[in-house]
């Protein structure tokens, strides 16, 4: 009869399972560590519609403003409207409109001037 001795740290832990030893566990890299950078990366930016961009530029969220922006932009060139919205948003970020109380109304007036 052959006497098989198990190496230290390698004990059978359950049906069909073996303990791989302490050294293997200490040097193991967790799957989560490998994917950490992937999981933490932000989702890709979502494209906004012109109405959503106008609302963000004016700092408003209500549906009434969305209806007004969409009706004003309906008969106008969408690319020119987007340019004006982005210009408006840039000016707002730079603090040029700090004293304006109704940014939505100002943006509507500027969009009406777009051909």
PDB file of N, CA and C in Angstrom:
ATOM      1  N   UNK A   1       0.831  -1.175   0.000  1.00  0.00           N
ATOM      2  CA  UNK A   1       0.000   0.000   0.000  1.00  0.00           C
ATOM      3  C   UNK A   1       0.878   1.240   0.000  1.00  0.00           C
ATOM      4  N   UNK A   2       0.464   2.193  -0.762  1.00  0.00           N
ATOM      5  CA  UNK A   2       1.226   3.435  -0.884  1.00  0.00           C
ATOM      6  C   UNK A   2       0.690   4.436   0.128  1.00  0.00           C
ATOM      7  N   UNK A   3       1.604   5.029   0.888  1.00  0.00           N
ATOM      8  CA  UNK A   3       1.210   6.026   1.874  1.00  0.00           C
ATOM      9  C   UNK A   3       1.425   7.419   1.275  1.00  0.00           C
ATOM     10  N   UNK A   4       0.341   8.139   1.016  1.00  0.00           N
ATOM     11  CA  UNK A   4       0.433   9.477   0.434  1.00  0.00           C
ATOM     12  C   UNK A   4       0.240  10.500   1.547  1.00  0.00           C
ATOM     13  N   UNK A   5       1.232  11.318   1.700  1.00  0.00           N
ATOM     14  CA  UNK A   5       1.114  12.390   2.697  1.00  0.00           C
ATOM     15  C   UNK A   5       0.891  13.703   1.964  1.00  0.00           C
ATOM     16  N   UNK A   6       0.031  14.471   2.482  1.00  0.00           N
ATOM     17  CA  UNK A   6      -0.271  15.764   1.871  1.00  0.00           C
ATOM     18  C   UNK A   6       0.740  16.794   2.345  1.00  0.00           C
ATOM     19  N   UNK A   7       1.213  17.666   1.440  1.00  0.00           N
ATOM     20  CA  UNK A   7       2.128  18.730   1.868  1.00  0.00           C
ATOM     21  C   UNK A   7       1.419  19.656   2.846  1.00  0.00           C
ATOM     22  N   UNK A   8       2.215  20.318   3.684  1.00  0.00           N
ATOM     23  CA  UNK A   8       1.647  21.211   4.681  1.00  0.00           C
ATOM     24  C   UNK A   8       0.879  22.336   3.989  1.00  0.00           C
ATOM     25  N   UNK A   9      -0.298  22.674   4.485  1.00  0.00           N
ATOM     26  CA  UNK A   9      -1.100  23.751   3.900  1.00  0.00           C
ATOM     27  C   UNK A   9      -2.013  23.271   2.794  1.00  0.00           C
ATOM     28  N   UNK A  10      -1.959  22.021   2.458  1.00  0.00           N
ATOM     29  CA  UNK A  10      -2.809  21.519   1.390  1.00  0.00           C
ATOM     30  C   UNK A  10      -3.752  20.472   1.956  1.00  0.00           C
ATOM     31  N   UNK A  11      -4.769  20.937   2.564  1.00  0.00           N
ATOM     32  CA  UNK A  11      -5.736  20.019   3.137  1.00  0.00           C
ATOM     33  C   UNK A  11      -7.002  20.034   2.299  1.00  0.00           C
ATOM     34  N   UNK A  12      -7.634  18.914   2.247  1.00  0.00           N
ATOM     35  CA  UNK A  12      -8.896  18.830   1.534  1.00  0.00           C
ATOM     36  C   UNK A  12      -9.929  19.576   2.365  1.00  0.00           C
ATOM     37  N   UNK A  13     -10.632  20.526   1.754  1.00  0.00           N
ATOM     38  CA  UNK A  13     -11.548  21.363   2.509  1.00  0.00           C
ATOM     39  C   UNK A  13     -13.005  21.007   2.261  1.00  0.00           C
ATOM     40  N   UNK A  14     -13.301  20.185   1.348  1.00  0.00           N
ATOM     41  CA  UNK A  14     -14.672  19.802   1.065  1.00  0.00           C
ATOM     42  C   UNK A  14     -14.692  18.859  -0.113  1.00  0.00           C
ATOM     43  N   UNK A  15     -15.845  18.370  -0.489  1.00  0.00           N
ATOM     44  CA  UNK A  15     -15.895  17.427  -1.605  1.00  0.00           C
ATOM     45  C   UNK A  15     -15.363  18.065  -2.891  1.00  0.00           C
ATOM     46  N   UNK A  16     -14.257  17.577  -3.377  1.00  0.00           N
ATOM     47  CA  UNK A  16     -13.700  18.057  -4.632  1.00  0.00           C
ATOM     48  C   UNK A  16     -12.974  19.384  -4.521  1.00  0.00           C
ATOM     49  N   UNK A  17     -12.751  19.895  -3.306  1.00  0.00           N
ATOM     50  CA  UNK A  17     -12.083  21.191  -3.147  1.00  0.00           C
ATOM     51  C   UNK A  17     -10.812  21.000  -2.339  1.00  0.00           C
ATOM     52  N   UNK A  18      -9.797  21.727  -2.700  1.00  0.00           N
ATOM     53  CA  UNK A  18      -8.531  21.635  -2.007  1.00  0.00           C
ATOM     54  C   UNK A  18      -8.068  23.026  -1.612  1.00  0.00           C
ATOM     55  N   UNK A  19      -7.468  23.133  -0.450  1.00  0.00           N
ATOM     56  CA  UNK A  19      -6.874  24.386  -0.007  1.00  0.00           C
ATOM     57  C   UNK A  19      -5.567  24.557  -0.768  1.00  0.00           C
ATOM     58  N   UNK A  20      -5.405  25.688  -1.439  1.00  0.00           N
ATOM     59  CA  UNK A  20      -4.225  25.894  -2.268  1.00  0.00           C
ATOM     60  C   UNK A  20      -3.045  26.429  -1.475  1.00  0.00           C
ATOM     61  N   UNK A  21      -3.198  26.630  -0.218  1.00  0.00           N
ATOM     62  CA  UNK A  21      -2.076  27.058   0.608  1.00  0.00           C
ATOM     63  C   UNK A  21      -2.058  28.553   0.824  1.00  0.00           C
ATOM     64  N   UNK A  22      -1.392  28.946   1.914  1.00  0.00           N
ATOM     65  CA  UNK A  22      -1.353  30.347   2.315  1.00  0.00           C
ATOM     66  C   UNK A  22      -0.560  31.180   1.326  1.00  0.00           C
ATOM     67  N   UNK A  23       0.548  30.674   0.824  1.00  0.00           N
ATOM     68  CA  UNK A  23       1.390  31.449  -0.087  1.00  0.00           C
ATOM     69  C   UNK A  23       0.610  31.853  -1.336  1.00  0.00           C
ATOM     70  N   UNK A  24      -0.158  30.971  -1.851  1.00  0.00           N
ATOM     71  CA  UNK A  24      -0.930  31.257  -3.067  1.00  0.00           C
ATOM     72  C   UNK A  24      -1.947  32.359  -2.792  1.00  0.00           C
ATOM     73  N   UNK A  25      -2.597  32.307  -1.641  1.00  0.00           N
ATOM     74  CA  UNK A  25      -3.608  33.313  -1.314  1.00  0.00           C
ATOM     75  C   UNK A  25      -2.970  34.671  -1.062  1.00  0.00           C
ATOM     76  N   UNK A  26      -1.799  34.719  -0.430  1.00  0.00           N
ATOM     77  CA  UNK A  26      -1.172  35.999  -0.130  1.00  0.00           C
ATOM     78  C   UNK A  26      -0.740  36.724  -1.401  1.00  0.00           C
ATOM     79  N   UNK A  27      -0.261  35.995  -2.373  1.00  0.00           N
ATOM     80  CA  UNK A  27       0.222  36.623  -3.595  1.00  0.00           C
ATOM     81  C   UNK A  27      -0.850  36.800  -4.649  1.00  0.00           C
ATOM     82  N   UNK A  28      -2.052  36.354  -4.370  1.00  0.00           N
ATOM     83  CA  UNK A  28      -3.125  36.427  -5.362  1.00  0.00           C
ATOM     84  C   UNK A  28      -3.589  37.860  -5.557  1.00  0.00           C
ATOM     85  N   UNK A  29      -3.948  38.154  -6.771  1.00  0.00           N
ATOM     86  CA  UNK A  29      -4.499  39.468  -7.102  1.00  0.00           C
ATOM     87  C   UNK A  29      -6.006  39.309  -7.234  1.00  0.00           C
ATOM     88  N   UNK A  30      -6.728  40.149  -6.538  1.00  0.00           N
ATOM     89  CA  UNK A  30      -8.175  40.063  -6.594  1.00  0.00           C
ATOM     90  C   UNK A  30      -8.689  40.530  -7.951  1.00  0.00           C
ATOM     91  N   UNK A  31      -9.720  39.899  -8.402  1.00  0.00           N
ATOM     92  CA  UNK A  31     -10.337  40.255  -9.675  1.00  0.00           C
ATOM     93  C   UNK A  31     -10.789  41.719  -9.658  1.00  0.00           C
ATOM     94  N   UNK A  32     -11.293  42.155  -8.519  1.00  0.00           N
ATOM     95  CA  UNK A  32     -11.748  43.541  -8.381  1.00  0.00           C
ATOM     96  C   UNK A  32     -10.594  44.520  -8.564  1.00  0.00           C
ATOM     97  N   UNK A  33      -9.394  44.137  -8.051  1.00  0.00           N
ATOM     98  CA  UNK A  33      -8.222  45.006  -8.213  1.00  0.00           C
ATOM     99  C   UNK A  33      -7.842  45.141  -9.681  1.00  0.00           C
ATOM    100  N   UNK A  34      -7.965  44.069 -10.429  1.00  0.00           N
ATOM    101  CA  UNK A  34      -7.632  44.120 -11.851  1.00  0.00           C
ATOM    102  C   UNK A  34      -8.585  45.023 -12.613  1.00  0.00           C
ATOM    103  N   UNK A  35      -9.857  45.019 -12.232  1.00  0.00           N
ATOM    104  CA  UNK A  35     -10.863  45.795 -12.937  1.00  0.00           C
ATOM    105  C   UNK A  35     -11.152  47.143 -12.289  1.00  0.00           C
ATOM    106  N   UNK A  36     -10.413  47.494 -11.263  1.00  0.00           N
ATOM    107  CA  UNK A  36     -10.676  48.734 -10.537  1.00  0.00           C
ATOM    108  C   UNK A  36     -10.728  49.952 -11.429  1.00  0.00           C
ATOM    109  N   UNK A  37      -9.754  50.090 -12.327  1.00  0.00           N
ATOM    110  CA  UNK A  37      -9.732  51.255 -13.202  1.00  0.00           C
ATOM    111  C   UNK A  37     -10.913  51.260 -14.156  1.00  0.00           C
ATOM    112  N   UNK A  38     -11.309  50.113 -14.614  1.00  0.00           N
ATOM    113  CA  UNK A  38     -12.432  50.030 -15.547  1.00  0.00           C
ATOM    114  C   UNK A  38     -13.737  50.414 -14.850  1.00  0.00           C
ATOM    115  N   UNK A  39     -13.927  49.915 -13.634  1.00  0.00           N
ATOM    116  CA  UNK A  39     -15.162  50.190 -12.910  1.00  0.00           C
ATOM    117  C   UNK A  39     -15.268  51.648 -12.487  1.00  0.00           C
ATOM    118  N   UNK A  40     -14.145  52.291 -12.183  1.00  0.00           N
ATOM    119  CA  UNK A  40     -14.163  53.656 -11.707  1.00  0.00           C
ATOM    120  C   UNK A  40     -14.259  54.692 -12.820  1.00  0.00           C
ATOM    121  N   UNK A  41     -14.075  54.282 -14.068  1.00  0.00           N
ATOM    122  CA  UNK A  41     -14.116  55.257 -15.157  1.00  0.00           C
ATOM    123  C   UNK A  41     -15.559  55.746 -15.349  1.00  0.00           C
ATOM    124  N   UNK A  42     -15.713  57.036 -15.655  1.00  0.00           N
ATOM    125  CA  UNK A  42     -17.062  57.580 -15.819  1.00  0.00           C
ATOM    126  C   UNK A  42     -17.706  57.054 -17.096  1.00  0.00           C
ATOM    127  N   UNK A  43     -19.012  57.030 -17.114  1.00  0.00           N
ATOM    128  CA  UNK A  43     -19.675  56.579 -18.336  1.00  0.00           C
ATOM    129  C   UNK A  43     -19.423  57.572 -19.466  1.00  0.00           C
ATOM    130  N   UNK A  44     -19.492  57.117 -20.699  1.00  0.00           N
ATOM    131  CA  UNK A  44     -19.252  58.034 -21.812  1.00  0.00           C
ATOM    132  C   UNK A  44     -20.289  59.155 -21.814  1.00  0.00           C
ATOM    133  N   UNK A  45     -19.876  60.364 -22.213  1.00  0.00           N
ATOM    134  CA  UNK A  45     -20.825  61.473 -22.205  1.00  0.00           C
ATOM    135  C   UNK A  45     -21.990  61.230 -23.152  1.00  0.00           C
ATOM    136  N   UNK A  46     -23.142  61.597 -22.701  1.00  0.00           N
ATOM    137  CA  UNK A  46     -24.345  61.415 -23.496  1.00  0.00           C
ATOM    138  C   UNK A  46     -24.599  62.691 -24.293  1.00  0.00           C
ATOM    139  N   UNK A  47     -24.972  62.559 -25.534  1.00  0.00           N
ATOM    140  CA  UNK A  47     -25.265  63.727 -26.358  1.00  0.00           C
ATOM    141  C   UNK A  47     -26.614  64.306 -25.925  1.00  0.00           C
ATOM    142  N   UNK A  48     -26.640  65.616 -25.739  1.00  0.00           N
ATOM    143  CA  UNK A  48     -27.872  66.284 -25.345  1.00  0.00           C
ATOM    144  C   UNK A  48     -28.574  66.838 -26.567  1.00  0.00           C
ATOM    145  N   UNK A  49     -29.871  66.895 -26.500  1.00  0.00           N
ATOM    146  CA  UNK A  49     -30.634  67.520 -27.574  1.00  0.00           C
ATOM    147  C   UNK A  49     -30.462  69.033 -27.453  1.00  0.00           C
ATOM    148  N   UNK A  50     -30.760  69.796 -28.509  1.00  0.00           N
ATOM    149  CA  UNK A  50     -30.663  71.259 -28.406  1.00  0.00           C
ATOM    150  C   UNK A  50     -31.520  71.822 -27.274  1.00  0.00           C
ATOM    151  N   UNK A  51     -32.698  71.249 -27.054  1.00  0.00           N
ATOM    152  CA  UNK A  51     -33.564  71.728 -25.975  1.00  0.00           C
ATOM    153  C   UNK A  51     -32.910  71.461 -24.623  1.00  0.00           C
ATOM    154  N   UNK A  52     -32.324  70.275 -24.442  1.00  0.00           N
ATOM    155  CA  UNK A  52     -31.647  69.952 -23.186  1.00  0.00           C
ATOM    156  C   UNK A  52     -30.445  70.871 -22.968  1.00  0.00           C
ATOM    157  N   UNK A  53     -29.714  71.166 -24.051  1.00  0.00           N
ATOM    158  CA  UNK A  53     -28.571  72.084 -23.930  1.00  0.00           C
ATOM    159  C   UNK A  53     -29.050  73.482 -23.561  1.00  0.00           C
ATOM    160  N   UNK A  54     -30.162  73.919 -24.152  1.00  0.00           N
ATOM    161  CA  UNK A  54     -30.697  75.245 -23.841  1.00  0.00           C
ATOM    162  C   UNK A  54     -31.112  75.324 -22.380  1.00  0.00           C
ATOM    163  N   UNK A  55     -31.757  74.288 -21.897  1.00  0.00           N
ATOM    164  CA  UNK A  55     -32.184  74.274 -20.491  1.00  0.00           C
ATOM    165  C   UNK A  55     -30.981  74.290 -19.560  1.00  0.00           C
ATOM    166  N   UNK A  56     -29.947  73.524 -19.896  1.00  0.00           N
ATOM    167  CA  UNK A  56     -28.740  73.514 -19.067  1.00  0.00           C
ATOM    168  C   UNK A  56     -28.053  74.877 -19.107  1.00  0.00           C
ATOM    169  N   UNK A  57     -28.014  75.499 -20.289  1.00  0.00           N
ATOM    170  CA  UNK A  57     -27.370  76.800 -20.423  1.00  0.00           C
ATOM    171  C   UNK A  57     -28.090  77.863 -19.610  1.00  0.00           C
ATOM    172  N   UNK A  58     -29.423  77.771 -19.549  1.00  0.00           N
ATOM    173  CA  UNK A  58     -30.212  78.758 -18.801  1.00  0.00           C
ATOM    174  C   UNK A  58     -30.389  78.365 -17.342  1.00  0.00           C
ATOM    175  N   UNK A  59     -29.956  77.158 -16.979  1.00  0.00           N
ATOM    176  CA  UNK A  59     -30.057  76.714 -15.589  1.00  0.00           C
ATOM    177  C   UNK A  59     -31.479  76.435 -15.149  1.00  0.00           C
ATOM    178  N   UNK A  60     -32.311  75.958 -16.061  1.00  0.00           N
ATOM    179  CA  UNK A  60     -33.703  75.655 -15.722  1.00  0.00           C
ATOM    180  C   UNK A  60     -33.987  74.179 -15.946  1.00  0.00           C
ATOM    181  N   UNK A  61     -35.034  73.679 -15.281  1.00  0.00           N
ATOM    182  CA  UNK A  61     -35.376  72.258 -15.431  1.00  0.00           C
ATOM    183  C   UNK A  61     -36.852  72.023 -15.684  1.00  0.00           C
ATOM    184  N   UNK A  62     -37.674  73.044 -15.641  1.00  0.00           N
ATOM    185  CA  UNK A  62     -39.122  72.794 -15.749  1.00  0.00           C
ATOM    186  C   UNK A  62     -39.563  72.594 -17.199  1.00  0.00           C
ATOM    187  N   UNK A  63     -40.669  71.899 -17.360  1.00  0.00           N
ATOM    188  CA  UNK A  63     -41.181  71.536 -18.687  1.00  0.00           C
ATOM    189  C   UNK A  63     -41.658  72.737 -19.488  1.00  0.00           C
ATOM    190  N   UNK A  64     -42.152  73.761 -18.799  1.00  0.00           N
ATOM    191  CA  UNK A  64     -42.625  74.942 -19.528  1.00  0.00           C
ATOM    192  C   UNK A  64     -41.499  75.572 -20.322  1.00  0.00           C
ATOM    193  N   UNK A  65     -40.332  75.675 -19.717  1.00  0.00           N
ATOM    194  CA  UNK A  65     -39.185  76.225 -20.443  1.00  0.00           C
ATOM    195  C   UNK A  65     -38.779  75.322 -21.596  1.00  0.00           C
ATOM    196  N   UNK A  66     -38.878  74.023 -21.413  1.00  0.00           N
ATOM    197  CA  UNK A  66     -38.550  73.094 -22.500  1.00  0.00           C
ATOM    198  C   UNK A  66     -39.475  73.326 -23.681  1.00  0.00           C
ATOM    199  N   UNK A  67     -40.760  73.537 -23.412  1.00  0.00           N
ATOM    200  CA  UNK A  67     -41.719  73.799 -24.501  1.00  0.00           C
ATOM    201  C   UNK A  67     -41.397  75.112 -25.210  1.00  0.00           C
ATOM    202  N   UNK A  68     -41.056  76.122 -24.427  1.00  0.00           N
ATOM    203  CA  UNK A  68     -40.735  77.425 -25.021  1.00  0.00           C
ATOM    204  C   UNK A  68     -39.498  77.316 -25.897  1.00  0.00           C
ATOM    205  N   UNK A  69     -38.448  76.692 -25.395  1.00  0.00           N
ATOM    206  CA  UNK A  69     -37.224  76.548 -26.193  1.00  0.00           C
ATOM    207  C   UNK A  69     -37.489  75.769 -27.477  1.00  0.00           C
ATOM    208  N   UNK A  70     -38.224  74.675 -27.377  1.00  0.00           N
ATOM    209  CA  UNK A  70     -38.477  73.868 -28.575  1.00  0.00           C
ATOM    210  C   UNK A  70     -39.323  74.633 -29.582  1.00  0.00           C
ATOM    211  N   UNK A  71     -40.302  75.415 -29.122  1.00  0.00           N
ATOM    212  CA  UNK A  71     -41.128  76.174 -30.072  1.00  0.00           C
ATOM    213  C   UNK A  71     -40.323  77.293 -30.718  1.00  0.00           C
ATOM    214  N   UNK A  72     -39.423  77.924 -29.976  1.00  0.00           N
ATOM    215  CA  UNK A  72     -38.599  78.999 -30.545  1.00  0.00           C
ATOM    216  C   UNK A  72     -37.619  78.439 -31.570  1.00  0.00           C
ATOM    217  N   UNK A  73     -37.068  77.274 -31.310  1.00  0.00           N
ATOM    218  CA  UNK A  73     -36.069  76.699 -32.221  1.00  0.00           C
ATOM    219  C   UNK A  73     -36.695  75.939 -33.392  1.00  0.00           C
ATOM    220  N   UNK A  74     -37.996  75.760 -33.383  1.00  0.00           N
ATOM    221  CA  UNK A  74     -38.658  74.905 -34.383  1.00  0.00           C
ATOM    222  C   UNK A  74     -38.370  75.337 -35.818  1.00  0.00           C
ATOM    223  N   UNK A  75     -38.454  76.609 -36.124  1.00  0.00           N
ATOM    224  CA  UNK A  75     -38.275  77.040 -37.520  1.00  0.00           C
ATOM    225  C   UNK A  75     -36.895  77.564 -37.825  1.00  0.00           C
ATOM    226  N   UNK A  76     -35.952  77.342 -36.938  1.00  0.00           N
ATOM    227  CA  UNK A  76     -34.618  77.898 -37.119  1.00  0.00           C
ATOM    228  C   UNK A  76     -33.591  76.810 -37.397  1.00  0.00           C
ATOM    229  N   UNK A  77     -32.449  77.248 -37.900  1.00  0.00           N
ATOM    230  CA  UNK A  77     -31.355  76.334 -38.211  1.00  0.00           C
ATOM    231  C   UNK A  77     -30.813  75.736 -36.906  1.00  0.00           C
ATOM    232  N   UNK A  78     -30.904  74.407 -36.743  1.00  0.00           N
ATOM    233  CA  UNK A  78     -30.490  73.792 -35.475  1.00  0.00           C
ATOM    234  C   UNK A  78     -29.019  74.019 -35.135  1.00  0.00           C
ATOM    235  N   UNK A  79     -28.147  74.024 -36.147  1.00  0.00           N
ATOM    236  CA  UNK A  79     -26.723  74.228 -35.868  1.00  0.00           C
ATOM    237  C   UNK A  79     -26.451  75.643 -35.376  1.00  0.00           C
ATOM    238  N   UNK A  80     -27.127  76.612 -35.960  1.00  0.00           N
ATOM    239  CA  UNK A  80     -26.946  77.997 -35.506  1.00  0.00           C
ATOM    240  C   UNK A  80     -27.526  78.186 -34.104  1.00  0.00           C
ATOM    241  N   UNK A  81     -28.631  77.507 -33.823  1.00  0.00           N
ATOM    242  CA  UNK A  81     -29.206  77.563 -32.476  1.00  0.00           C
ATOM    243  C   UNK A  81     -28.231  76.970 -31.453  1.00  0.00           C
ATOM    244  N   UNK A  82     -27.643  75.826 -31.802  1.00  0.00           N
ATOM    245  CA  UNK A  82     -26.676  75.203 -30.897  1.00  0.00           C
ATOM    246  C   UNK A  82     -25.473  76.105 -30.665  1.00  0.00           C
ATOM    247  N   UNK A  83     -25.002  76.770 -31.725  1.00  0.00           N
ATOM    248  CA  UNK A  83     -23.880  77.698 -31.559  1.00  0.00           C
ATOM    249  C   UNK A  83     -24.245  78.801 -30.574  1.00  0.00           C
ATOM    250  N   UNK A  84     -25.457  79.363 -30.729  1.00  0.00           N
ATOM    251  CA  UNK A  84     -25.891  80.442 -29.833  1.00  0.00           C
ATOM    252  C   UNK A  84     -26.059  79.936 -28.403  1.00  0.00           C
ATOM    253  N   UNK A  85     -26.610  78.731 -28.238  1.00  0.00           N
ATOM    254  CA  UNK A  85     -26.783  78.146 -26.901  1.00  0.00           C
ATOM    255  C   UNK A  85     -25.424  77.947 -26.244  1.00  0.00           C
ATOM    256  N   UNK A  86     -24.474  77.432 -27.000  1.00  0.00           N
ATOM    257  CA  UNK A  86     -23.141  77.178 -26.437  1.00  0.00           C
ATOM    258  C   UNK A  86     -22.413  78.488 -26.126  1.00  0.00           C
ATOM    259  N   UNK A  87     -22.608  79.495 -26.952  1.00  0.00           N
ATOM    260  CA  UNK A  87     -22.036  80.812 -26.669  1.00  0.00           C
ATOM    261  C   UNK A  87     -22.632  81.373 -25.377  1.00  0.00           C
ATOM    262  N   UNK A  88     -23.942  81.224 -25.255  1.00  0.00           N
ATOM    263  CA  UNK A  88     -24.653  81.671 -24.061  1.00  0.00           C
ATOM    264  C   UNK A  88     -24.121  80.961 -22.816  1.00  0.00           C
ATOM    265  N   UNK A  89     -23.970  79.645 -22.910  1.00  0.00           N
ATOM    266  CA  UNK A  89     -23.469  78.856 -21.781  1.00  0.00           C
ATOM    267  C   UNK A  89     -22.050  79.275 -21.412  1.00  0.00           C
ATOM    268  N   UNK A  90     -21.220  79.549 -22.410  1.00  0.00           N
ATOM    269  CA  UNK A  90     -19.848  79.979 -22.160  1.00  0.00           C
ATOM    270  C   UNK A  90     -19.823  81.325 -21.443  1.00  0.00           C
ATOM    271  N   UNK A  91     -20.649  82.253 -21.897  1.00  0.00           N
ATOM    272  CA  UNK A  91     -20.722  83.572 -21.250  1.00  0.00           C
ATOM    273  C   UNK A  91     -21.209  83.430 -19.811  1.00  0.00           C
ATOM    274  N   UNK A  92     -22.169  82.550 -19.611  1.00  0.00           N
ATOM    275  CA  UNK A  92     -22.695  82.343 -18.257  1.00  0.00           C
ATOM    276  C   UNK A  92     -21.617  81.781 -17.341  1.00  0.00           C
ATOM    277  N   UNK A  93     -20.840  80.811 -17.835  1.00  0.00           N
ATOM    278  CA  UNK A  93     -19.766  80.214 -17.029  1.00  0.00           C
ATOM    279  C   UNK A  93     -18.698  81.242 -16.675  1.00  0.00           C
ATOM    280  N   UNK A  94     -18.472  82.190 -17.554  1.00  0.00           N
ATOM    281  CA  UNK A  94     -17.463  83.216 -17.304  1.00  0.00           C
ATOM    282  C   UNK A  94     -17.979  84.311 -16.376  1.00  0.00           C
ATOM    283  N   UNK A  95     -19.231  84.222 -15.985  1.00  0.00           N
ATOM    284  CA  UNK A  95     -19.788  85.171 -15.032  1.00  0.00           C
ATOM    285  C   UNK A  95     -20.311  86.454 -15.635  1.00  0.00           C
ATOM    286  N   UNK A  96     -20.470  86.481 -16.954  1.00  0.00           N
ATOM    287  CA  UNK A  96     -20.930  87.701 -17.614  1.00  0.00           C
ATOM    288  C   UNK A  96     -22.418  87.970 -17.404  1.00  0.00           C
ATOM    289  N   UNK A  97     -23.160  86.998 -16.890  1.00  0.00           N
ATOM    290  CA  UNK A  97     -24.604  87.164 -16.728  1.00  0.00           C
ATOM    291  C   UNK A  97     -25.015  87.066 -15.260  1.00  0.00           C
ATOM    292  N   UNK A  98     -24.128  87.458 -14.390  1.00  0.00           N
ATOM    293  CA  UNK A  98     -24.379  87.322 -12.951  1.00  0.00           C
ATOM    294  C   UNK A  98     -25.604  88.111 -12.490  1.00  0.00           C
ATOM    295  N   UNK A  99     -25.910  89.238 -13.123  1.00  0.00           N
ATOM    296  CA  UNK A  99     -27.014  90.096 -12.674  1.00  0.00           C
ATOM    297  C   UNK A  99     -28.329  89.822 -13.393  1.00  0.00           C
ATOM    298  N   UNK A 100     -28.338  88.890 -14.339  1.00  0.00           N
ATOM    299  CA  UNK A 100     -29.562  88.602 -15.090  1.00  0.00           C
ATOM    300  C   UNK A 100     -30.448  87.701 -14.246  1.00  0.00           C
ATOM    301  N   UNK A 101     -31.698  88.120 -14.049  1.00  0.00           N
ATOM    302  CA  UNK A 101     -32.608  87.327 -13.203  1.00  0.00           C
ATOM    303  C   UNK A 101     -33.271  86.193 -13.970  1.00  0.00           C
ATOM    304  N   UNK A 102     -33.637  86.427 -15.220  1.00  0.00           N
ATOM    305  CA  UNK A 102     -34.334  85.399 -15.986  1.00  0.00           C
ATOM    306  C   UNK A 102     -33.481  85.003 -17.189  1.00  0.00           C
ATOM    307  N   UNK A 103     -32.574  84.062 -16.944  1.00  0.00           N
ATOM    308  CA  UNK A 103     -31.674  83.626 -18.014  1.00  0.00           C
ATOM    309  C   UNK A 103     -32.430  82.936 -19.142  1.00  0.00           C
ATOM    310  N   UNK A 104     -33.499  82.225 -18.805  1.00  0.00           N
ATOM    311  CA  UNK A 104     -34.281  81.524 -19.834  1.00  0.00           C
ATOM    312  C   UNK A 104     -34.876  82.526 -20.809  1.00  0.00           C
ATOM    313  N   UNK A 105     -35.434  83.624 -20.297  1.00  0.00           N
ATOM    314  CA  UNK A 105     -36.031  84.641 -21.176  1.00  0.00           C
ATOM    315  C   UNK A 105     -34.960  85.281 -22.056  1.00  0.00           C
ATOM    316  N   UNK A 106     -33.788  85.542 -21.487  1.00  0.00           N
ATOM    317  CA  UNK A 106     -32.697  86.126 -22.275  1.00  0.00           C
ATOM    318  C   UNK A 106     -32.267  85.171 -23.381  1.00  0.00           C
ATOM    319  N   UNK A 107     -32.154  83.890 -23.070  1.00  0.00           N
ATOM    320  CA  UNK A 107     -31.770  82.910 -24.090  1.00  0.00           C
ATOM    321  C   UNK A 107     -32.833  82.799 -25.166  1.00  0.00           C
ATOM    322  N   UNK A 108     -34.095  82.851 -24.791  1.00  0.00           N
ATOM    323  CA  UNK A 108     -35.184  82.809 -25.781  1.00  0.00           C
ATOM    324  C   UNK A 108     -35.052  83.988 -26.737  1.00  0.00           C
ATOM    325  N   UNK A 109     -34.790  85.172 -26.207  1.00  0.00           N
ATOM    326  CA  UNK A 109     -34.620  86.354 -27.071  1.00  0.00           C
ATOM    327  C   UNK A 109     -33.440  86.172 -28.017  1.00  0.00           C
ATOM    328  N   UNK A 110     -32.364  85.629 -27.513  1.00  0.00           N
ATOM    329  CA  UNK A 110     -31.196  85.411 -28.371  1.00  0.00           C
ATOM    330  C   UNK A 110     -31.465  84.363 -29.432  1.00  0.00           C
ATOM    331  N   UNK A 111     -32.238  83.338 -29.082  1.00  0.00           N
ATOM    332  CA  UNK A 111     -32.578  82.299 -30.067  1.00  0.00           C
ATOM    333  C   UNK A 111     -33.532  82.836 -31.134  1.00  0.00           C
ATOM    334  N   UNK A 112     -34.405  83.751 -30.740  1.00  0.00           N
ATOM    335  CA  UNK A 112     -35.326  84.356 -31.724  1.00  0.00           C
ATOM    336  C   UNK A 112     -34.570  85.158 -32.762  1.00  0.00           C
ATOM    337  N   UNK A 113     -33.427  85.702 -32.374  1.00  0.00           N
ATOM    338  CA  UNK A 113     -32.614  86.498 -33.298  1.00  0.00           C
ATOM    339  C   UNK A 113     -31.842  85.599 -34.296  1.00  0.00           C
ATOM    340  N   UNK A 114     -31.760  84.327 -34.008  1.00  0.00           N
ATOM    341  CA  UNK A 114     -31.077  83.390 -34.917  1.00  0.00           C
ATOM    342  C   UNK A 114     -31.950  83.182 -36.138  1.00  0.00           C
ATOM    343  N   UNK A 115     -31.361  83.277 -37.312  1.00  0.00           N
ATOM    344  CA  UNK A 115     -32.132  83.122 -38.560  1.00  0.00           C
ATOM    345  C   UNK A 115     -32.487  81.719 -38.903  1.00  0.00           C
TER     346      UNK A 115
END
